[in-house]
Amino acid sequence: MSQINLEPSELEIEHEFSLLLLKLQEKINISHNQNRYTGLTPDLTFKEGRVYWKLIKEYKNERGCGGSSTVYAFVRRKDGAIFQPATWKQPQTRTQNPVKGYITDEWSADYFTAYGVAHEPQD
């Protein structure tokens, strides 16, 4: 008798990641508008590494160029685990509970605020 594999496939994780990016950009846009920040709304982009996707929040100046960037979060590509950033290059993995959640969870966007990974899931 064969066992059923309940782990999400790479394709499912990539699909969930693309949906999550849209939800997080919307969360950033809403926060930016509610707080009446001046300047352009930051863009959420990502860079694909060997092990992780690095989510980057890019701030542009009024001309739409230059600006600054911050690391928003890291997502492990093989299983969709969400990590807070430790530095620009690596996630925080040396804590008691480094995984904050998984992008395949039903409410995965609640693991984030407009500023990055939440310490506790948001309501």
N, C-alpha and C. Protein backbone atom coordinates (compact mmCIF):
# COMPACT_ATOMS: atom_id res chain seq x y z
N MET A 1 0.84 -1.17 0.00
CA MET A 1 0.00 0.00 0.00
C MET A 1 0.89 1.24 0.00
N SER A 2 0.67 2.15 -0.91
CA SER A 2 1.51 3.35 -1.01
C SER A 2 0.99 4.45 -0.10
N GLN A 3 1.91 5.30 0.33
CA GLN A 3 1.55 6.40 1.21
C GLN A 3 1.24 7.63 0.37
N ILE A 4 0.34 8.45 0.86
CA ILE A 4 -0.02 9.69 0.18
C ILE A 4 0.90 10.78 0.68
N ASN A 5 1.50 11.51 -0.26
CA ASN A 5 2.39 12.62 0.09
C ASN A 5 1.55 13.88 0.23
N LEU A 6 1.49 14.43 1.45
CA LEU A 6 0.71 15.63 1.71
C LEU A 6 1.54 16.91 1.64
N GLU A 7 2.83 16.76 1.40
CA GLU A 7 3.71 17.94 1.30
C GLU A 7 3.42 18.65 -0.03
N PRO A 8 3.40 19.99 -0.01
CA PRO A 8 3.17 20.72 -1.26
C PRO A 8 4.34 20.55 -2.23
N SER A 9 4.03 20.53 -3.51
CA SER A 9 5.07 20.41 -4.52
C SER A 9 5.76 21.76 -4.73
N GLU A 10 6.87 21.74 -5.44
CA GLU A 10 7.59 22.99 -5.75
C GLU A 10 6.70 23.95 -6.52
N LEU A 11 5.93 23.42 -7.44
CA LEU A 11 5.02 24.25 -8.25
C LEU A 11 3.96 24.91 -7.37
N GLU A 12 3.41 24.16 -6.42
CA GLU A 12 2.41 24.72 -5.50
C GLU A 12 3.02 25.80 -4.62
N ILE A 13 4.24 25.58 -4.16
CA ILE A 13 4.91 26.57 -3.32
C ILE A 13 5.18 27.84 -4.13
N GLU A 14 5.64 27.71 -5.36
CA GLU A 14 5.89 28.88 -6.21
C GLU A 14 4.60 29.64 -6.48
N HIS A 15 3.50 28.91 -6.69
CA HIS A 15 2.20 29.57 -6.92
C HIS A 15 1.77 30.33 -5.67
N GLU A 16 1.86 29.70 -4.51
CA GLU A 16 1.50 30.37 -3.25
C GLU A 16 2.38 31.59 -3.00
N PHE A 17 3.66 31.49 -3.37
CA PHE A 17 4.58 32.61 -3.20
C PHE A 17 4.14 33.79 -4.05
N SER A 18 3.77 33.55 -5.30
CA SER A 18 3.34 34.65 -6.17
C SER A 18 2.05 35.29 -5.65
N LEU A 19 1.12 34.49 -5.13
CA LEU A 19 -0.10 35.04 -4.54
C LEU A 19 0.20 35.85 -3.28
N LEU A 20 1.12 35.35 -2.48
CA LEU A 20 1.50 36.04 -1.25
C LEU A 20 2.11 37.40 -1.55
N LEU A 21 2.94 37.48 -2.58
CA LEU A 21 3.55 38.76 -2.93
C LEU A 21 2.49 39.81 -3.24
N LEU A 22 1.44 39.42 -3.95
CA LEU A 22 0.35 40.36 -4.27
C LEU A 22 -0.36 40.81 -2.99
N LYS A 23 -0.64 39.90 -2.08
CA LYS A 23 -1.31 40.24 -0.83
C LYS A 23 -0.45 41.17 0.02
N LEU A 24 0.85 40.90 0.07
CA LEU A 24 1.74 41.72 0.89
C LEU A 24 1.90 43.12 0.30
N GLN A 25 1.96 43.22 -1.03
CA GLN A 25 2.06 44.54 -1.66
C GLN A 25 0.80 45.34 -1.35
N GLU A 26 -0.36 44.68 -1.36
CA GLU A 26 -1.61 45.36 -1.01
C GLU A 26 -1.58 45.84 0.43
N LYS A 27 -1.05 45.02 1.32
CA LYS A 27 -0.94 45.39 2.74
C LYS A 27 -0.02 46.61 2.90
N ILE A 28 1.07 46.65 2.17
CA ILE A 28 1.99 47.79 2.20
C ILE A 28 1.31 49.04 1.67
N ASN A 29 0.57 48.90 0.56
CA ASN A 29 -0.13 50.04 -0.05
C ASN A 29 -1.15 50.63 0.91
N ILE A 30 -1.93 49.77 1.57
CA ILE A 30 -2.96 50.23 2.51
C ILE A 30 -2.32 50.97 3.67
N SER A 31 -1.26 50.42 4.23
CA SER A 31 -0.57 51.07 5.34
C SER A 31 0.00 52.43 4.91
N HIS A 32 0.58 52.46 3.74
CA HIS A 32 1.17 53.70 3.22
C HIS A 32 0.11 54.79 3.08
N ASN A 33 -1.06 54.42 2.56
CA ASN A 33 -2.14 55.40 2.36
C ASN A 33 -2.80 55.80 3.68
N GLN A 34 -3.01 54.86 4.59
CA GLN A 34 -3.65 55.16 5.88
C GLN A 34 -2.78 56.07 6.74
N ASN A 35 -1.47 55.89 6.67
CA ASN A 35 -0.56 56.69 7.49
C ASN A 35 -0.16 57.99 6.81
N ARG A 36 -0.67 58.19 5.61
CA ARG A 36 -0.43 59.43 4.83
C ARG A 36 1.06 59.75 4.68
N TYR A 37 1.83 58.72 4.35
CA TYR A 37 3.24 58.95 4.09
C TYR A 37 3.41 59.75 2.82
N THR A 38 4.42 60.59 2.78
CA THR A 38 4.72 61.32 1.55
C THR A 38 5.63 60.47 0.68
N GLY A 39 5.67 60.77 -0.57
CA GLY A 39 6.52 60.01 -1.49
C GLY A 39 5.78 58.83 -2.08
N LEU A 40 6.49 58.11 -2.91
CA LEU A 40 5.91 56.96 -3.60
C LEU A 40 5.76 55.77 -2.67
N THR A 41 4.76 54.94 -2.95
CA THR A 41 4.55 53.71 -2.18
C THR A 41 5.70 52.75 -2.47
N PRO A 42 6.28 52.14 -1.44
CA PRO A 42 7.38 51.20 -1.68
C PRO A 42 6.90 49.97 -2.46
N ASP A 43 7.78 49.42 -3.26
CA ASP A 43 7.50 48.21 -4.04
C ASP A 43 8.12 47.01 -3.34
N LEU A 44 7.38 45.90 -3.35
CA LEU A 44 7.89 44.65 -2.80
C LEU A 44 8.40 43.80 -3.97
N THR A 45 9.67 43.49 -3.95
CA THR A 45 10.28 42.66 -4.98
C THR A 45 10.95 41.46 -4.29
N PHE A 46 11.55 40.59 -5.08
CA PHE A 46 12.25 39.46 -4.49
C PHE A 46 13.45 39.09 -5.34
N LYS A 47 14.40 38.45 -4.69
CA LYS A 47 15.55 37.86 -5.37
C LYS A 47 15.58 36.39 -5.02
N GLU A 48 15.80 35.56 -6.03
CA GLU A 48 15.82 34.12 -5.82
C GLU A 48 17.25 33.66 -5.59
N GLY A 49 17.47 33.03 -4.45
CA GLY A 49 18.76 32.44 -4.14
C GLY A 49 18.70 30.93 -4.23
N ARG A 50 19.77 30.28 -3.87
CA ARG A 50 19.79 28.81 -3.93
C ARG A 50 18.81 28.19 -2.95
N VAL A 51 18.71 28.77 -1.75
CA VAL A 51 17.88 28.19 -0.69
C VAL A 51 16.64 29.03 -0.40
N TYR A 52 16.76 30.35 -0.46
CA TYR A 52 15.70 31.26 -0.04
C TYR A 52 15.30 32.22 -1.14
N TRP A 53 14.05 32.71 -1.04
CA TRP A 53 13.63 33.91 -1.74
C TRP A 53 13.82 35.04 -0.73
N LYS A 54 14.45 36.11 -1.15
CA LYS A 54 14.62 37.28 -0.28
C LYS A 54 13.61 38.33 -0.74
N LEU A 55 12.68 38.70 0.13
CA LEU A 55 11.71 39.73 -0.18
C LEU A 55 12.31 41.08 0.20
N ILE A 56 12.27 42.00 -0.73
CA ILE A 56 12.92 43.30 -0.56
C ILE A 56 11.88 44.40 -0.75
N LYS A 57 11.86 45.32 0.19
CA LYS A 57 10.99 46.49 0.11
C LYS A 57 11.82 47.65 -0.41
N GLU A 58 11.48 48.13 -1.61
CA GLU A 58 12.26 49.18 -2.28
C GLU A 58 11.53 50.52 -2.23
N TYR A 59 12.23 51.50 -1.70
CA TYR A 59 11.70 52.86 -1.62
C TYR A 59 12.31 53.69 -2.74
N LYS A 60 11.47 54.36 -3.50
CA LYS A 60 11.94 55.22 -4.60
C LYS A 60 11.77 56.68 -4.20
N ASN A 61 12.55 57.55 -4.83
CA ASN A 61 12.36 58.97 -4.60
C ASN A 61 11.25 59.49 -5.53
N GLU A 62 10.97 60.78 -5.48
CA GLU A 62 9.87 61.36 -6.26
C GLU A 62 10.04 61.18 -7.77
N ARG A 63 11.26 61.04 -8.24
CA ARG A 63 11.49 60.84 -9.67
C ARG A 63 11.37 59.37 -10.06
N GLY A 64 11.13 58.50 -9.10
CA GLY A 64 10.95 57.08 -9.38
C GLY A 64 12.24 56.29 -9.52
N CYS A 65 13.34 56.87 -9.07
CA CYS A 65 14.62 56.16 -9.15
C CYS A 65 15.36 56.35 -7.83
N GLY A 66 16.47 55.65 -7.69
CA GLY A 66 17.28 55.79 -6.47
C GLY A 66 16.54 55.29 -5.26
N GLY A 67 16.71 55.95 -4.14
CA GLY A 67 16.02 55.54 -2.93
C GLY A 67 16.81 54.53 -2.13
N SER A 68 16.10 53.74 -1.33
CA SER A 68 16.75 52.75 -0.48
C SER A 68 15.97 51.44 -0.49
N SER A 69 16.55 50.42 0.10
CA SER A 69 15.92 49.10 0.16
C SER A 69 16.14 48.49 1.54
N THR A 70 15.18 47.69 1.97
CA THR A 70 15.31 46.93 3.20
C THR A 70 14.85 45.50 2.94
N VAL A 71 15.40 44.56 3.69
CA VAL A 71 14.95 43.18 3.57
C VAL A 71 13.66 43.04 4.37
N TYR A 72 12.63 42.57 3.72
CA TYR A 72 11.31 42.43 4.31
C TYR A 72 11.16 41.07 5.00
N ALA A 73 11.64 40.01 4.34
CA ALA A 73 11.53 38.65 4.88
C ALA A 73 12.33 37.69 4.01
N PHE A 74 12.47 36.46 4.50
CA PHE A 74 13.04 35.36 3.72
C PHE A 74 12.02 34.22 3.70
N VAL A 75 11.93 33.53 2.56
CA VAL A 75 11.07 32.36 2.43
C VAL A 75 11.92 31.22 1.87
N ARG A 76 11.94 30.11 2.59
CA ARG A 76 12.70 28.94 2.13
C ARG A 76 11.97 28.32 0.95
N ARG A 77 12.67 28.14 -0.14
CA ARG A 77 12.06 27.70 -1.39
C ARG A 77 11.55 26.26 -1.35
N LYS A 78 12.20 25.37 -0.61
CA LYS A 78 11.82 23.96 -0.66
C LYS A 78 10.51 23.65 0.05
N ASP A 79 10.17 24.44 1.11
CA ASP A 79 8.95 24.14 1.85
C ASP A 79 8.09 25.36 2.16
N GLY A 80 8.53 26.57 1.78
CA GLY A 80 7.73 27.77 2.00
C GLY A 80 7.79 28.31 3.41
N ALA A 81 8.80 27.93 4.19
CA ALA A 81 8.93 28.43 5.57
C ALA A 81 9.30 29.92 5.55
N ILE A 82 8.69 30.68 6.45
CA ILE A 82 8.88 32.13 6.54
C ILE A 82 9.84 32.43 7.68
N PHE A 83 10.83 33.30 7.39
CA PHE A 83 11.83 33.69 8.38
C PHE A 83 11.95 35.21 8.43
N GLN A 84 12.25 35.74 9.61
CA GLN A 84 12.61 37.15 9.74
C GLN A 84 14.04 37.31 9.23
N PRO A 85 14.39 38.49 8.72
CA PRO A 85 15.77 38.70 8.32
C PRO A 85 16.68 38.93 9.52
N ALA A 86 17.89 38.37 9.46
CA ALA A 86 18.91 38.65 10.47
C ALA A 86 19.84 39.73 9.94
N THR A 87 20.21 39.61 8.68
CA THR A 87 21.05 40.58 7.99
C THR A 87 20.51 40.73 6.58
N TRP A 88 21.17 41.53 5.77
CA TRP A 88 20.78 41.69 4.37
C TRP A 88 20.91 40.37 3.62
N LYS A 89 21.84 39.52 4.02
CA LYS A 89 22.13 38.30 3.28
C LYS A 89 21.51 37.03 3.83
N GLN A 90 21.09 37.00 5.09
CA GLN A 90 20.63 35.73 5.64
C GLN A 90 19.46 35.91 6.60
N PRO A 91 18.65 34.85 6.70
CA PRO A 91 17.52 34.90 7.64
C PRO A 91 17.95 34.59 9.06
N GLN A 92 17.06 34.88 9.97
CA GLN A 92 17.29 34.58 11.38
C GLN A 92 16.94 33.11 11.61
N THR A 93 17.96 32.28 11.82
CA THR A 93 17.74 30.85 11.99
C THR A 93 18.22 30.33 13.34
N ARG A 94 18.89 31.16 14.11
CA ARG A 94 19.48 30.71 15.37
C ARG A 94 18.67 31.14 16.59
N THR A 95 17.38 31.08 16.47
CA THR A 95 16.51 31.36 17.60
C THR A 95 15.76 30.09 17.97
N GLN A 96 15.03 30.15 19.05
CA GLN A 96 14.32 28.96 19.50
C GLN A 96 13.25 28.53 18.49
N ASN A 97 12.56 29.50 17.89
CA ASN A 97 11.52 29.23 16.89
C ASN A 97 11.76 30.09 15.66
N PRO A 98 12.70 29.72 14.80
CA PRO A 98 13.01 30.58 13.66
C PRO A 98 11.92 30.63 12.60
N VAL A 99 11.17 29.55 12.41
CA VAL A 99 10.13 29.53 11.38
C VAL A 99 8.88 30.21 11.94
N LYS A 100 8.44 31.27 11.27
CA LYS A 100 7.27 32.03 11.73
C LYS A 100 5.97 31.51 11.15
N GLY A 101 6.05 30.66 10.14
CA GLY A 101 4.88 30.09 9.50
C GLY A 101 5.27 29.58 8.13
N TYR A 102 4.28 29.20 7.34
CA TYR A 102 4.51 28.68 5.99
C TYR A 102 3.59 29.40 5.01
N ILE A 103 4.08 29.65 3.82
CA ILE A 103 3.27 30.38 2.84
C ILE A 103 2.10 29.55 2.34
N THR A 104 2.11 28.26 2.58
CA THR A 104 1.00 27.41 2.18
C THR A 104 -0.11 27.40 3.23
N ASP A 105 0.10 28.04 4.38
CA ASP A 105 -0.95 28.15 5.39
C ASP A 105 -2.08 29.03 4.85
N GLU A 106 -3.29 28.76 5.28
CA GLU A 106 -4.45 29.48 4.76
C GLU A 106 -4.35 30.99 5.00
N TRP A 107 -3.86 31.38 6.15
CA TRP A 107 -3.78 32.81 6.51
C TRP A 107 -2.32 33.29 6.51
N SER A 108 -1.54 32.91 5.53
CA SER A 108 -0.11 33.22 5.52
C SER A 108 0.19 34.71 5.52
N ALA A 109 -0.67 35.53 4.94
CA ALA A 109 -0.43 36.98 4.92
C ALA A 109 -0.49 37.57 6.32
N ASP A 110 -1.14 36.87 7.25
CA ASP A 110 -1.22 37.36 8.64
C ASP A 110 0.09 37.22 9.39
N TYR A 111 1.05 36.53 8.83
CA TYR A 111 2.37 36.42 9.45
C TYR A 111 3.21 37.67 9.20
N PHE A 112 2.65 38.63 8.47
CA PHE A 112 3.38 39.83 8.06
C PHE A 112 2.63 41.09 8.47
N THR A 113 3.39 42.16 8.69
CA THR A 113 2.84 43.50 8.81
C THR A 113 3.29 44.27 7.58
N ALA A 114 2.98 45.53 7.51
CA ALA A 114 3.45 46.35 6.39
C ALA A 114 4.96 46.56 6.45
N TYR A 115 5.57 46.21 7.59
CA TYR A 115 7.00 46.47 7.79
C TYR A 115 7.87 45.22 7.77
N GLY A 116 7.27 44.04 7.73
CA GLY A 116 8.04 42.80 7.71
C GLY A 116 7.31 41.68 8.41
N VAL A 117 8.07 40.67 8.82
CA VAL A 117 7.50 39.50 9.48
C VAL A 117 7.07 39.88 10.89
N ALA A 118 5.84 39.52 11.25
CA ALA A 118 5.33 39.81 12.58
C ALA A 118 5.90 38.83 13.59
N HIS A 119 6.05 39.28 14.83
CA HIS A 119 6.50 38.37 15.89
C HIS A 119 5.41 37.37 16.21
N GLU A 120 4.16 37.81 16.18
CA GLU A 120 2.99 36.97 16.39
C GLU A 120 2.05 37.21 15.22
N PRO A 121 1.28 36.19 14.80
CA PRO A 121 0.33 36.41 13.70
C PRO A 121 -0.62 37.57 14.01
N GLN A 122 -0.91 38.37 12.97
CA GLN A 122 -1.79 39.53 13.11
C GLN A 122 -3.24 39.13 12.90
N ASP A 123 -4.16 39.82 13.60
CA ASP A 123 -5.60 39.58 13.42
C ASP A 123 -6.15 40.41 12.30
